[in-house]
C-alpha atoms as a PDB file:
ATOM      1  CA  UNK A   1      18.625  20.853  11.080  1.00  0.00           C
ATOM      2  CA  UNK A   2      18.491  23.270   8.149  1.00  0.00           C
ATOM      3  CA  UNK A   3      15.936  24.421   5.577  1.00  0.00           C
ATOM      4  CA  UNK A   4      15.744  22.423   2.356  1.00  0.00           C
ATOM      5  CA  UNK A   5      16.578  23.921  -1.031  1.00  0.00           C
ATOM      6  CA  UNK A   6      13.125  25.404  -1.713  1.00  0.00           C
ATOM      7  CA  UNK A   7      11.541  25.227   1.771  1.00  0.00           C
ATOM      8  CA  UNK A   8       8.697  23.197   0.280  1.00  0.00           C
ATOM      9  CA  UNK A   9       7.489  19.644   0.887  1.00  0.00           C
ATOM     10  CA  UNK A  10       8.850  18.772  -2.559  1.00  0.00           C
ATOM     11  CA  UNK A  11      12.361  19.013  -1.115  1.00  0.00           C
ATOM     12  CA  UNK A  12      11.565  15.409  -0.140  1.00  0.00           C
ATOM     13  CA  UNK A  13      12.916  13.605  -3.225  1.00  0.00           C
ATOM     14  CA  UNK A  14      10.288  11.950  -5.390  1.00  0.00           C
ATOM     15  CA  UNK A  15       7.341  14.164  -4.398  1.00  0.00           C
ATOM     16  CA  UNK A  16       5.401  16.624  -6.560  1.00  0.00           C
ATOM     17  CA  UNK A  17       2.617  19.093  -5.720  1.00  0.00           C
ATOM     18  CA  UNK A  18       0.032  20.660  -8.003  1.00  0.00           C
ATOM     19  CA  UNK A  19      -2.456  23.451  -7.357  1.00  0.00           C
ATOM     20  CA  UNK A  20      -5.692  24.331  -9.114  1.00  0.00           C
ATOM     21  CA  UNK A  21      -7.230  27.673  -8.154  1.00  0.00           C
ATOM     22  CA  UNK A  22     -10.616  29.159  -9.048  1.00  0.00           C
ATOM     23  CA  UNK A  23     -10.573  32.849  -8.101  1.00  0.00           C
ATOM     24  CA  UNK A  24     -14.309  33.355  -8.693  1.00  0.00           C
ATOM     25  CA  UNK A  25     -15.165  30.303  -6.614  1.00  0.00           C
ATOM     26  CA  UNK A  26     -12.575  31.477  -4.053  1.00  0.00           C
ATOM     27  CA  UNK A  27     -11.514  27.881  -3.582  1.00  0.00           C
ATOM     28  CA  UNK A  28      -9.272  25.231  -5.053  1.00  0.00           C
ATOM     29  CA  UNK A  29      -7.502  21.890  -4.774  1.00  0.00           C
ATOM     30  CA  UNK A  30      -3.941  20.853  -3.952  1.00  0.00           C
ATOM     31  CA  UNK A  31      -2.576  17.413  -4.862  1.00  0.00           C
ATOM     32  CA  UNK A  32       0.519  15.637  -3.577  1.00  0.00           C
ATOM     33  CA  UNK A  33       1.745  12.865  -5.846  1.00  0.00           C
ATOM     34  CA  UNK A  34       5.087  11.320  -6.684  1.00  0.00           C
ATOM     35  CA  UNK A  35       7.296   9.577  -9.161  1.00  0.00           C
ATOM     36  CA  UNK A  36       6.004   6.294  -7.704  1.00  0.00           C
ATOM     37  CA  UNK A  37       3.348   5.190  -5.190  1.00  0.00           C
ATOM     38  CA  UNK A  38       4.254   5.978  -1.581  1.00  0.00           C
ATOM     39  CA  UNK A  39       3.365   4.659   1.848  1.00  0.00           C
ATOM     40  CA  UNK A  40       1.016   6.810   3.923  1.00  0.00           C
ATOM     41  CA  UNK A  41      -0.617   7.010   7.327  1.00  0.00           C
ATOM     42  CA  UNK A  42      -3.098   9.406   8.917  1.00  0.00           C
ATOM     43  CA  UNK A  43      -4.175  10.704  12.297  1.00  0.00           C
ATOM     44  CA  UNK A  44      -7.272  12.804  13.059  1.00  0.00           C
ATOM     45  CA  UNK A  45      -7.527  14.994  16.152  1.00  0.00           C
ATOM     46  CA  UNK A  46     -10.261  17.445  15.163  1.00  0.00           C
ATOM     47  CA  UNK A  47     -13.875  16.783  16.009  1.00  0.00           C
ATOM     48  CA  UNK A  48     -15.351  17.442  12.547  1.00  0.00           C
ATOM     49  CA  UNK A  49     -13.209  15.853   9.817  1.00  0.00           C
ATOM     50  CA  UNK A  50     -14.158  15.434   6.169  1.00  0.00           C
ATOM     51  CA  UNK A  51     -12.203  12.640   4.512  1.00  0.00           C
ATOM     52  CA  UNK A  52     -12.043  10.132   1.695  1.00  0.00           C
ATOM     53  CA  UNK A  53     -10.474   6.635   1.839  1.00  0.00           C
ATOM     54  CA  UNK A  54      -8.553   7.279   5.037  1.00  0.00           C
ATOM     55  CA  UNK A  55      -9.530   3.845   6.414  1.00  0.00           C
ATOM     56  CA  UNK A  56      -7.188   2.329   3.809  1.00  0.00           C
ATOM     57  CA  UNK A  57      -4.242   3.937   5.588  1.00  0.00           C
ATOM     58  CA  UNK A  58      -4.642   1.995   8.833  1.00  0.00           C
ATOM     59  CA  UNK A  59      -1.623  -0.251   9.460  1.00  0.00           C
ATOM     60  CA  UNK A  60      -3.729  -3.424   9.279  1.00  0.00           C
ATOM     61  CA  UNK A  61      -5.298  -2.671   5.876  1.00  0.00           C
ATOM     62  CA  UNK A  62      -4.159  -4.402   2.680  1.00  0.00           C
ATOM     63  CA  UNK A  63      -3.157  -1.467   0.489  1.00  0.00           C
ATOM     64  CA  UNK A  64       0.431  -0.534   1.298  1.00  0.00           C
ATOM     65  CA  UNK A  65       0.896   2.512  -0.963  1.00  0.00           C
ATOM     66  CA  UNK A  66      -1.169   5.310  -2.468  1.00  0.00           C
ATOM     67  CA  UNK A  67      -0.842   7.164  -5.761  1.00  0.00           C
ATOM     68  CA  UNK A  68      -1.750  10.638  -4.516  1.00  0.00           C
ATOM     69  CA  UNK A  69      -3.264  12.609  -1.665  1.00  0.00           C
ATOM     70  CA  UNK A  70      -5.514  15.620  -2.149  1.00  0.00           C
ATOM     71  CA  UNK A  71      -6.445  18.590   0.016  1.00  0.00           C
ATOM     72  CA  UNK A  72      -9.512  20.512  -1.112  1.00  0.00           C
ATOM     73  CA  UNK A  73     -11.828  23.353  -0.325  1.00  0.00           C
ATOM     74  CA  UNK A  74     -15.559  22.967  -0.814  1.00  0.00           C
ATOM     75  CA  UNK A  75     -16.513  21.064   2.325  1.00  0.00           C
ATOM     76  CA  UNK A  76     -18.182  17.746   1.401  1.00  0.00           C
ATOM     77  CA  UNK A  77     -18.464  18.861  -2.236  1.00  0.00           C
ATOM     78  CA  UNK A  78     -14.670  18.988  -2.323  1.00  0.00           C
ATOM     79  CA  UNK A  79     -14.369  15.264  -1.667  1.00  0.00           C
ATOM     80  CA  UNK A  80     -15.274  14.837  -5.336  1.00  0.00           C
ATOM     81  CA  UNK A  81     -11.873  16.316  -6.206  1.00  0.00           C
ATOM     82  CA  UNK A  82     -10.580  12.786  -5.687  1.00  0.00           C
ATOM     83  CA  UNK A  83     -12.565  11.672  -8.745  1.00  0.00           C
ATOM     84  CA  UNK A  84     -10.644  14.097 -10.945  1.00  0.00           C
ATOM     85  CA  UNK A  85      -7.311  13.029  -9.474  1.00  0.00           C
ATOM     86  CA  UNK A  86      -8.241   9.395 -10.157  1.00  0.00           C
ATOM     87  CA  UNK A  87      -9.064  10.254 -13.768  1.00  0.00           C
ATOM     88  CA  UNK A  88      -5.659  11.855 -14.232  1.00  0.00           C
ATOM     89  CA  UNK A  89      -3.859   8.911 -12.648  1.00  0.00           C
ATOM     90  CA  UNK A  90      -5.811   6.403 -14.716  1.00  0.00           C
ATOM     91  CA  UNK A  91      -4.961   8.292 -17.907  1.00  0.00           C
ATOM     92  CA  UNK A  92      -1.311   8.033 -16.840  1.00  0.00           C
ATOM     93  CA  UNK A  93      -1.635   4.256 -16.396  1.00  0.00           C
ATOM     94  CA  UNK A  94      -1.241   4.382 -12.626  1.00  0.00           C
ATOM     95  CA  UNK A  95      -3.116   2.618  -9.842  1.00  0.00           C
ATOM     96  CA  UNK A  96      -3.405  -0.495  -7.679  1.00  0.00           C
ATOM     97  CA  UNK A  97      -3.257  -3.571  -9.931  1.00  0.00           C
ATOM     98  CA  UNK A  98      -6.339  -5.835  -9.762  1.00  0.00           C
ATOM     99  CA  UNK A  99      -6.183  -8.366 -12.584  1.00  0.00           C
ATOM    100  CA  UNK A 100      -5.870  -6.331 -15.759  1.00  0.00           C
ATOM    101  CA  UNK A 101      -7.410  -3.237 -14.132  1.00  0.00           C
ATOM    102  CA  UNK A 102      -5.623  -0.440 -12.310  1.00  0.00           C
ATOM    103  CA  UNK A 103      -7.488   1.416  -9.536  1.00  0.00           C
ATOM    104  CA  UNK A 104      -5.786   4.660  -8.409  1.00  0.00           C
ATOM    105  CA  UNK A 105      -5.729   5.025  -4.610  1.00  0.00           C
ATOM    106  CA  UNK A 106      -6.352   8.656  -3.666  1.00  0.00           C
ATOM    107  CA  UNK A 107      -7.196   9.500  -0.044  1.00  0.00           C
ATOM    108  CA  UNK A 108      -7.961  13.112   0.759  1.00  0.00           C
ATOM    109  CA  UNK A 109      -9.441  15.652   3.131  1.00  0.00           C
ATOM    110  CA  UNK A 110     -11.435  18.876   2.843  1.00  0.00           C
ATOM    111  CA  UNK A 111     -11.868  22.229   4.522  1.00  0.00           C
ATOM    112  CA  UNK A 112     -15.032  24.327   4.788  1.00  0.00           C
ATOM    113  CA  UNK A 113     -14.721  27.494   2.690  1.00  0.00           C
ATOM    114  CA  UNK A 114     -18.309  27.901   1.483  1.00  0.00           C
ATOM    115  CA  UNK A 115     -18.960  31.210   3.293  1.00  0.00           C
ATOM    116  CA  UNK A 116     -15.893  33.145   2.178  1.00  0.00           C
ATOM    117  CA  UNK A 117     -17.549  35.385  -0.408  1.00  0.00           C
ATOM    118  CA  UNK A 118     -16.807  33.348  -3.544  1.00  0.00           C
ATOM    119  CA  UNK A 119     -19.421  32.229  -6.060  1.00  0.00           C
ATOM    120  CA  UNK A 120     -21.029  29.017  -4.876  1.00  0.00           C
ATOM    121  CA  UNK A 121     -24.023  28.905  -7.251  1.00  0.00           C
ATOM    122  CA  UNK A 122     -22.554  26.241  -9.554  1.00  0.00           C
ATOM    123  CA  UNK A 123     -24.830  23.852 -11.461  1.00  0.00           C
ATOM    124  CA  UNK A 124     -22.147  21.183 -11.766  1.00  0.00           C
ATOM    125  CA  UNK A 125     -19.760  20.392  -8.929  1.00  0.00           C
ATOM    126  CA  UNK A 126     -16.476  22.086  -9.948  1.00  0.00           C
ATOM    127  CA  UNK A 127     -14.190  20.020  -7.724  1.00  0.00           C
ATOM    128  CA  UNK A 128     -13.609  16.959  -9.960  1.00  0.00           C
ATOM    129  CA  UNK A 129     -12.269  19.244 -12.694  1.00  0.00           C
ATOM    130  CA  UNK A 130     -10.143  21.146 -10.167  1.00  0.00           C
ATOM    131  CA  UNK A 131      -8.773  17.855  -8.859  1.00  0.00           C
ATOM    132  CA  UNK A 132      -7.653  16.760 -12.301  1.00  0.00           C
ATOM    133  CA  UNK A 133      -6.128  20.172 -13.047  1.00  0.00           C
ATOM    134  CA  UNK A 134      -4.202  20.067  -9.779  1.00  0.00           C
ATOM    135  CA  UNK A 135      -2.879  16.570 -10.508  1.00  0.00           C
ATOM    136  CA  UNK A 136      -1.809  17.558 -14.025  1.00  0.00           C
ATOM    137  CA  UNK A 137      -0.034  20.646 -12.635  1.00  0.00           C
ATOM    138  CA  UNK A 138       2.089  18.618 -10.205  1.00  0.00           C
ATOM    139  CA  UNK A 139       5.695  19.787 -10.114  1.00  0.00           C
ATOM    140  CA  UNK A 140       8.535  20.409  -7.677  1.00  0.00           C
ATOM    141  CA  UNK A 141       7.781  24.136  -7.514  1.00  0.00           C
ATOM    142  CA  UNK A 142       4.364  25.442  -6.502  1.00  0.00           C
ATOM    143  CA  UNK A 143       2.756  28.527  -4.994  1.00  0.00           C
ATOM    144  CA  UNK A 144       1.828  28.920  -1.333  1.00  0.00           C
ATOM    145  CA  UNK A 145      -0.466  31.427   0.364  1.00  0.00           C
ATOM    146  CA  UNK A 146      -3.686  32.109  -1.552  1.00  0.00           C
ATOM    147  CA  UNK A 147      -3.339  29.159  -3.908  1.00  0.00           C
ATOM    148  CA  UNK A 148      -4.858  25.726  -4.418  1.00  0.00           C
ATOM    149  CA  UNK A 149      -6.833  24.459  -1.473  1.00  0.00           C
ATOM    150  CA  UNK A 150      -5.720  27.496   0.535  1.00  0.00           C
ATOM    151  CA  UNK A 151      -7.322  30.015  -1.850  1.00  0.00           C
ATOM    152  CA  UNK A 152     -10.345  30.783   0.324  1.00  0.00           C
ATOM    153  CA  UNK A 153      -9.010  29.695   3.704  1.00  0.00           C
ATOM    154  CA  UNK A 154      -9.591  31.784   6.819  1.00  0.00           C
ATOM    155  CA  UNK A 155      -8.488  31.690  10.445  1.00  0.00           C
ATOM    156  CA  UNK A 156      -9.876  33.181  13.621  1.00  0.00           C
ATOM    157  CA  UNK A 157      -8.392  36.579  12.757  1.00  0.00           C
ATOM    158  CA  UNK A 158      -6.460  36.656   9.471  1.00  0.00           C
ATOM    159  CA  UNK A 159      -6.883  35.257   6.008  1.00  0.00           C
ATOM    160  CA  UNK A 160      -5.486  31.727   5.903  1.00  0.00           C
ATOM    161  CA  UNK A 161      -3.749  29.931   3.085  1.00  0.00           C
ATOM    162  CA  UNK A 162      -1.649  27.061   1.791  1.00  0.00           C
ATOM    163  CA  UNK A 163       1.673  26.656   3.591  1.00  0.00           C
ATOM    164  CA  UNK A 164       4.729  24.480   3.163  1.00  0.00           C
ATOM    165  CA  UNK A 165       8.152  24.073   4.763  1.00  0.00           C
ATOM    166  CA  UNK A 166      11.041  21.623   4.810  1.00  0.00           C
ATOM    167  CA  UNK A 167      14.014  20.609   6.918  1.00  0.00           C
ATOM    168  CA  UNK A 168      17.095  18.468   6.367  1.00  0.00           C
ATOM    169  CA  UNK A 169      18.296  16.587   9.448  1.00  0.00           C
ATOM    170  CA  UNK A 170      21.974  16.181  10.295  1.00  0.00           C
ATOM    171  CA  UNK A 171      21.783  12.615   9.000  1.00  0.00           C
ATOM    172  CA  UNK A 172      20.579  13.849   5.604  1.00  0.00           C
ATOM    173  CA  UNK A 173      16.958  12.729   6.073  1.00  0.00           C
ATOM    174  CA  UNK A 174      14.568  15.280   4.560  1.00  0.00           C
ATOM    175  CA  UNK A 175      11.223  16.156   6.123  1.00  0.00           C
ATOM    176  CA  UNK A 176       8.537  18.409   4.650  1.00  0.00           C
ATOM    177  CA  UNK A 177       5.066  19.699   5.451  1.00  0.00           C
ATOM    178  CA  UNK A 178       2.107  20.918   3.400  1.00  0.00           C
ATOM    179  CA  UNK A 179      -0.941  22.460   5.076  1.00  0.00           C
ATOM    180  CA  UNK A 180      -4.227  24.239   4.424  1.00  0.00           C
ATOM    181  CA  UNK A 181      -4.709  26.728   7.270  1.00  0.00           C
ATOM    182  CA  UNK A 182      -8.447  27.254   7.750  1.00  0.00           C
ATOM    183  CA  UNK A 183      -8.577  27.159  11.535  1.00  0.00           C
ATOM    184  CA  UNK A 184     -11.082  28.285  14.126  1.00  0.00           C
ATOM    185  CA  UNK A 185      -8.060  29.392  16.163  1.00  0.00           C
ATOM    186  CA  UNK A 186      -5.462  32.069  15.494  1.00  0.00           C
ATOM    187  CA  UNK A 187      -1.993  31.793  13.963  1.00  0.00           C
ATOM    188  CA  UNK A 188      -0.863  34.941  15.779  1.00  0.00           C
ATOM    189  CA  UNK A 189      -0.951  36.373  19.280  1.00  0.00           C
ATOM    190  CA  UNK A 190      -2.853  39.643  19.861  1.00  0.00           C
ATOM    191  CA  UNK A 191       0.290  41.597  18.911  1.00  0.00           C
ATOM    192  CA  UNK A 192       0.296  40.007  15.446  1.00  0.00           C
ATOM    193  CA  UNK A 193       3.391  37.831  15.947  1.00  0.00           C
ATOM    194  CA  UNK A 194       3.200  34.197  14.998  1.00  0.00           C
ATOM    195  CA  UNK A 195       2.754  31.561  17.681  1.00  0.00           C
ATOM    196  CA  UNK A 196       5.168  29.448  15.607  1.00  0.00           C
ATOM    197  CA  UNK A 197       7.983  32.001  15.985  1.00  0.00           C
ATOM    198  CA  UNK A 198      10.175  29.845  18.280  1.00  0.00           C
ATOM    199  CA  UNK A 199      10.523  27.320  15.448  1.00  0.00           C
ATOM    200  CA  UNK A 200      11.153  29.795  12.608  1.00  0.00           C
ATOM    201  CA  UNK A 201      14.291  29.169  10.545  1.00  0.00           C
ATOM    202  CA  UNK A 202      15.756  32.373   9.108  1.00  0.00           C
ATOM    203  CA  UNK A 203      13.125  34.939   8.152  1.00  0.00           C
ATOM    204  CA  UNK A 204      10.679  32.554   6.468  1.00  0.00           C
ATOM    205  CA  UNK A 205       7.662  34.300   8.012  1.00  0.00           C
ATOM    206  CA  UNK A 206       9.014  37.711   8.811  1.00  0.00           C
ATOM    207  CA  UNK A 207      11.493  37.109  11.664  1.00  0.00           C
ATOM    208  CA  UNK A 208       9.165  39.059  13.952  1.00  0.00           C
ATOM    209  CA  UNK A 209      10.281  37.251  17.079  1.00  0.00           C
ATOM    210  CA  UNK A 210       8.167  35.507  19.737  1.00  0.00           C
ATOM    211  CA  UNK A 211       4.789  36.971  20.715  1.00  0.00           C
ATOM    212  CA  UNK A 212       5.121  39.812  23.204  1.00  0.00           C
ATOM    213  CA  UNK A 213       2.061  38.886  25.200  1.00  0.00           C
ATOM    214  CA  UNK A 214       0.227  35.787  26.279  1.00  0.00           C
ATOM    215  CA  UNK A 215      -2.700  35.679  28.670  1.00  0.00           C
ATOM    216  CA  UNK A 216      -3.087  32.104  29.922  1.00  0.00           C
ATOM    217  CA  UNK A 217      -6.114  33.097  31.989  1.00  0.00           C
ATOM    218  CA  UNK A 218      -8.039  34.189  28.875  1.00  0.00           C
ATOM    219  CA  UNK A 219     -10.562  31.710  27.508  1.00  0.00           C
ATOM    220  CA  UNK A 220     -10.634  31.775  23.697  1.00  0.00           C
ATOM    221  CA  UNK A 221     -13.817  32.817  21.907  1.00  0.00           C
ATOM    222  CA  UNK A 222     -14.593  31.668  18.351  1.00  0.00           C
ATOM    223  CA  UNK A 223     -14.607  34.506  15.838  1.00  0.00           C
ATOM    224  CA  UNK A 224     -15.500  32.369  12.840  1.00  0.00           C
ATOM    225  CA  UNK A 225     -18.689  30.363  12.909  1.00  0.00           C
ATOM    226  CA  UNK A 226     -17.856  27.075  14.539  1.00  0.00           C
ATOM    227  CA  UNK A 227     -18.661  24.895  11.521  1.00  0.00           C
ATOM    228  CA  UNK A 228     -16.336  26.802   9.197  1.00  0.00           C
ATOM    229  CA  UNK A 229     -12.991  25.495  10.423  1.00  0.00           C
ATOM    230  CA  UNK A 230     -10.406  22.832   9.721  1.00  0.00           C
ATOM    231  CA  UNK A 231      -6.652  22.595   9.246  1.00  0.00           C
ATOM    232  CA  UNK A 232      -5.509  19.682   7.095  1.00  0.00           C
ATOM    233  CA  UNK A 233      -1.887  18.781   6.517  1.00  0.00           C
ATOM    234  CA  UNK A 234       0.619  16.340   5.055  1.00  0.00           C
ATOM    235  CA  UNK A 235       4.073  15.656   6.490  1.00  0.00           C
ATOM    236  CA  UNK A 236       6.541  13.681   4.411  1.00  0.00           C
ATOM    237  CA  UNK A 237       9.994  12.145   4.597  1.00  0.00           C
ATOM    238  CA  UNK A 238      12.340  10.207   2.362  1.00  0.00           C
ATOM    239  CA  UNK A 239      13.225   7.859   5.262  1.00  0.00           C
ATOM    240  CA  UNK A 240      11.739   4.392   4.806  1.00  0.00           C
ATOM    241  CA  UNK A 241       8.778   4.028   7.189  1.00  0.00           C
ATOM    242  CA  UNK A 242       5.915   1.535   7.188  1.00  0.00           C
ATOM    243  CA  UNK A 243       2.269   2.449   7.733  1.00  0.00           C
ATOM    244  CA  UNK A 244       2.481   1.946  11.495  1.00  0.00           C
ATOM    245  CA  UNK A 245       5.482   4.271  11.794  1.00  0.00           C
ATOM    246  CA  UNK A 246       3.772   6.805   9.532  1.00  0.00           C
ATOM    247  CA  UNK A 247       0.675   6.756  11.728  1.00  0.00           C
ATOM    248  CA  UNK A 248       2.938   7.558  14.673  1.00  0.00           C
ATOM    249  CA  UNK A 249       4.647  10.326  12.638  1.00  0.00           C
ATOM    250  CA  UNK A 250       1.289  11.881  11.785  1.00  0.00           C
ATOM    251  CA  UNK A 251       0.317  11.759  15.458  1.00  0.00           C
ATOM    252  CA  UNK A 252       3.529  13.504  16.531  1.00  0.00           C
ATOM    253  CA  UNK A 253       3.152  16.139  13.803  1.00  0.00           C
ATOM    254  CA  UNK A 254      -0.097  17.332  15.388  1.00  0.00           C
ATOM    255  CA  UNK A 255       2.134  18.954  18.026  1.00  0.00           C
ATOM    256  CA  UNK A 256       3.153  21.448  15.343  1.00  0.00           C
ATOM    257  CA  UNK A 257      -0.466  22.364  14.751  1.00  0.00           C
ATOM    258  CA  UNK A 258      -0.935  23.041  18.452  1.00  0.00           C
ATOM    259  CA  UNK A 259       2.233  25.165  18.529  1.00  0.00           C
ATOM    260  CA  UNK A 260       1.116  27.345  15.607  1.00  0.00           C
ATOM    261  CA  UNK A 261      -2.671  27.654  16.102  1.00  0.00           C
ATOM    262  CA  UNK A 262      -4.385  28.642  19.335  1.00  0.00           C
ATOM    263  CA  UNK A 263      -6.651  26.882  20.048  1.00  0.00           C
ATOM    264  CA  UNK A 264      -6.281  23.713  17.969  1.00  0.00           C
ATOM    265  CA  UNK A 265      -8.197  20.427  17.711  1.00  0.00           C
ATOM    266  CA  UNK A 266     -11.508  21.949  18.774  1.00  0.00           C
ATOM    267  CA  UNK A 267     -14.784  19.998  18.490  1.00  0.00           C
ATOM    268  CA  UNK A 268     -15.649  21.904  15.310  1.00  0.00           C
ATOM    269  CA  UNK A 269     -12.225  21.736  13.624  1.00  0.00           C
ATOM    270  CA  UNK A 270     -11.519  18.772  11.362  1.00  0.00           C
ATOM    271  CA  UNK A 271      -7.799  18.824  12.111  1.00  0.00           C
ATOM    272  CA  UNK A 272      -6.025  15.977  10.331  1.00  0.00           C
ATOM    273  CA  UNK A 273      -2.455  15.057   9.376  1.00  0.00           C
ATOM    274  CA  UNK A 274      -1.385  12.603   6.688  1.00  0.00           C
ATOM    275  CA  UNK A 275       2.174  11.252   6.818  1.00  0.00           C
ATOM    276  CA  UNK A 276       4.046  10.044   3.740  1.00  0.00           C
ATOM    277  CA  UNK A 277       7.270   8.139   3.087  1.00  0.00           C
ATOM    278  CA  UNK A 278       8.918   7.838  -0.321  1.00  0.00           C
ATOM    279  CA  UNK A 279      11.311   5.247   1.126  1.00  0.00           C
ATOM    280  CA  UNK A 280      14.299   6.514  -0.871  1.00  0.00           C
ATOM    281  CA  UNK A 281      16.566   6.461   2.194  1.00  0.00           C
ATOM    282  CA  UNK A 282      17.160   3.681   4.695  1.00  0.00           C
ATOM    283  CA  UNK A 283      14.874   3.388   7.680  1.00  0.00           C
ATOM    284  CA  UNK A 284      15.995   5.738  10.450  1.00  0.00           C
ATOM    285  CA  UNK A 285      18.118   4.436  13.309  1.00  0.00           C
ATOM    286  CA  UNK A 286      17.063   4.922  16.933  1.00  0.00           C
ATOM    287  CA  UNK A 287      18.397   8.485  17.195  1.00  0.00           C
ATOM    288  CA  UNK A 288      16.827   9.714  13.959  1.00  0.00           C
ATOM    289  CA  UNK A 289      13.630   7.841  14.755  1.00  0.00           C
ATOM    290  CA  UNK A 290      13.476   9.696  18.058  1.00  0.00           C
ATOM    291  CA  UNK A 291      13.955  13.081  16.367  1.00  0.00           C
ATOM    292  CA  UNK A 292      11.780  12.524  13.290  1.00  0.00           C
ATOM    293  CA  UNK A 293       8.447  13.315  14.959  1.00  0.00           C
ATOM    294  CA  UNK A 294       9.865  16.494  16.481  1.00  0.00           C
ATOM    295  CA  UNK A 295      11.235  17.670  13.129  1.00  0.00           C
ATOM    296  CA  UNK A 296       7.881  16.936  11.440  1.00  0.00           C
ATOM    297  CA  UNK A 297       6.056  18.932  14.119  1.00  0.00           C
ATOM    298  CA  UNK A 298       8.462  21.860  13.683  1.00  0.00           C
ATOM    299  CA  UNK A 299       7.991  21.760   9.900  1.00  0.00           C
ATOM    300  CA  UNK A 300       4.231  21.784  10.270  1.00  0.00           C
ATOM    301  CA  UNK A 301       4.291  24.742  12.693  1.00  0.00           C
ATOM    302  CA  UNK A 302       6.474  26.669  10.244  1.00  0.00           C
ATOM    303  CA  UNK A 303       4.288  25.729   7.279  1.00  0.00           C
ATOM    304  CA  UNK A 304       1.191  27.014   9.082  1.00  0.00           C
ATOM    305  CA  UNK A 305       2.800  30.395   9.742  1.00  0.00           C
ATOM    306  CA  UNK A 306       4.042  30.583   6.146  1.00  0.00           C
ATOM    307  CA  UNK A 307       0.566  29.850   4.793  1.00  0.00           C
ATOM    308  CA  UNK A 308      -0.876  32.824   6.670  1.00  0.00           C
ATOM    309  CA  UNK A 309       2.166  35.043   6.032  1.00  0.00           C
ATOM    310  CA  UNK A 310       2.023  34.521   2.256  1.00  0.00           C
ATOM    311  CA  UNK A 311      -1.746  34.975   1.867  1.00  0.00           C
ATOM    312  CA  UNK A 312      -2.601  37.741  -0.612  1.00  0.00           C
ATOM    313  CA  UNK A 313      -5.660  40.013  -0.580  1.00  0.00           C
ATOM    314  CA  UNK A 314      -8.522  39.772  -3.057  1.00  0.00           C
ATOM    315  CA  UNK A 315     -11.565  42.033  -3.562  1.00  0.00           C
ATOM    316  CA  UNK A 316     -14.375  41.145  -1.188  1.00  0.00           C
ATOM    317  CA  UNK A 317     -12.245  39.175   1.282  1.00  0.00           C
ATOM    318  CA  UNK A 318     -14.134  38.745   4.572  1.00  0.00           C
ATOM    319  CA  UNK A 319     -10.816  38.871   6.464  1.00  0.00           C
ATOM    320  CA  UNK A 320      -7.630  40.928   6.097  1.00  0.00           C
ATOM    321  CA  UNK A 321      -4.233  39.470   5.433  1.00  0.00           C
ATOM    322  CA  UNK A 322      -1.878  39.552   8.392  1.00  0.00           C
ATOM    323  CA  UNK A 323      -0.559  43.055   9.141  1.00  0.00           C
ATOM    324  CA  UNK A 324       2.288  43.929   6.805  1.00  0.00           C
ATOM    325  CA  UNK A 325       1.110  41.617   4.012  1.00  0.00           C
ATOM    326  CA  UNK A 326      -1.981  43.495   2.731  1.00  0.00           C
END
């Protein structure tokens, strides 16, 4: 396994990502789309999710492909970002064909970032416009850290952010992850080293090495208010997988969240993972199928650490960036 060309989810051929950031709002939207509709699944393990159209992704539901996925700040207000993404897709002539009408299919998920110091006194919900801007900005290259839906993200200790990572398996299958790190838990141990360090490839988040201390007898205490947390993610591959296999891939990828954030999947986190397949490579054989979930989990753990590592400071931040980055 090796890092892809850009160490971004867009190393998976056929995928594009766009960010829209509002610095005054201290929030934003991130959109994953592609050259063509793609199959998707989802798995939720947090106790307080905020989602749109995720029921469509169940293996027994009719729709077999989606046009885009969005990740947004704004709590429930951010679900309206999907409206803007739909507008952009419709203008591009894309969507699920029903007679002579096309209906874009755009599931998404949100994080709570309403108490991060940004201006929240809007008269008109800003998220539909941010959603359309993010869709129209979709490209292979995009910013991580304090960008898009990760703009105002926080964790238990450090400023959070938007993270991404990729890996190419020995068979040539590419796997990628995209995540908004806004967790109740911490991405680092007390010594400031990332929990995800055992899965780091190269020096992608500082090459600091494994945490020097771990106290298994210590019960974690929430530093953020308990209704302010959620980590939402997308894992993707070019291997051909159906919705059932993608649901299983999303489930396995949650292991990466638990490796990189301590604690994870709390009652007040909305932790969720989408899984996507562009289907540009043959379905994996038994050996690759066995390894695919592990590689997705590793990518997600790395993406979480990278999101925190690349966060940048802004005036009035309620949390510092991780030591060495601010």
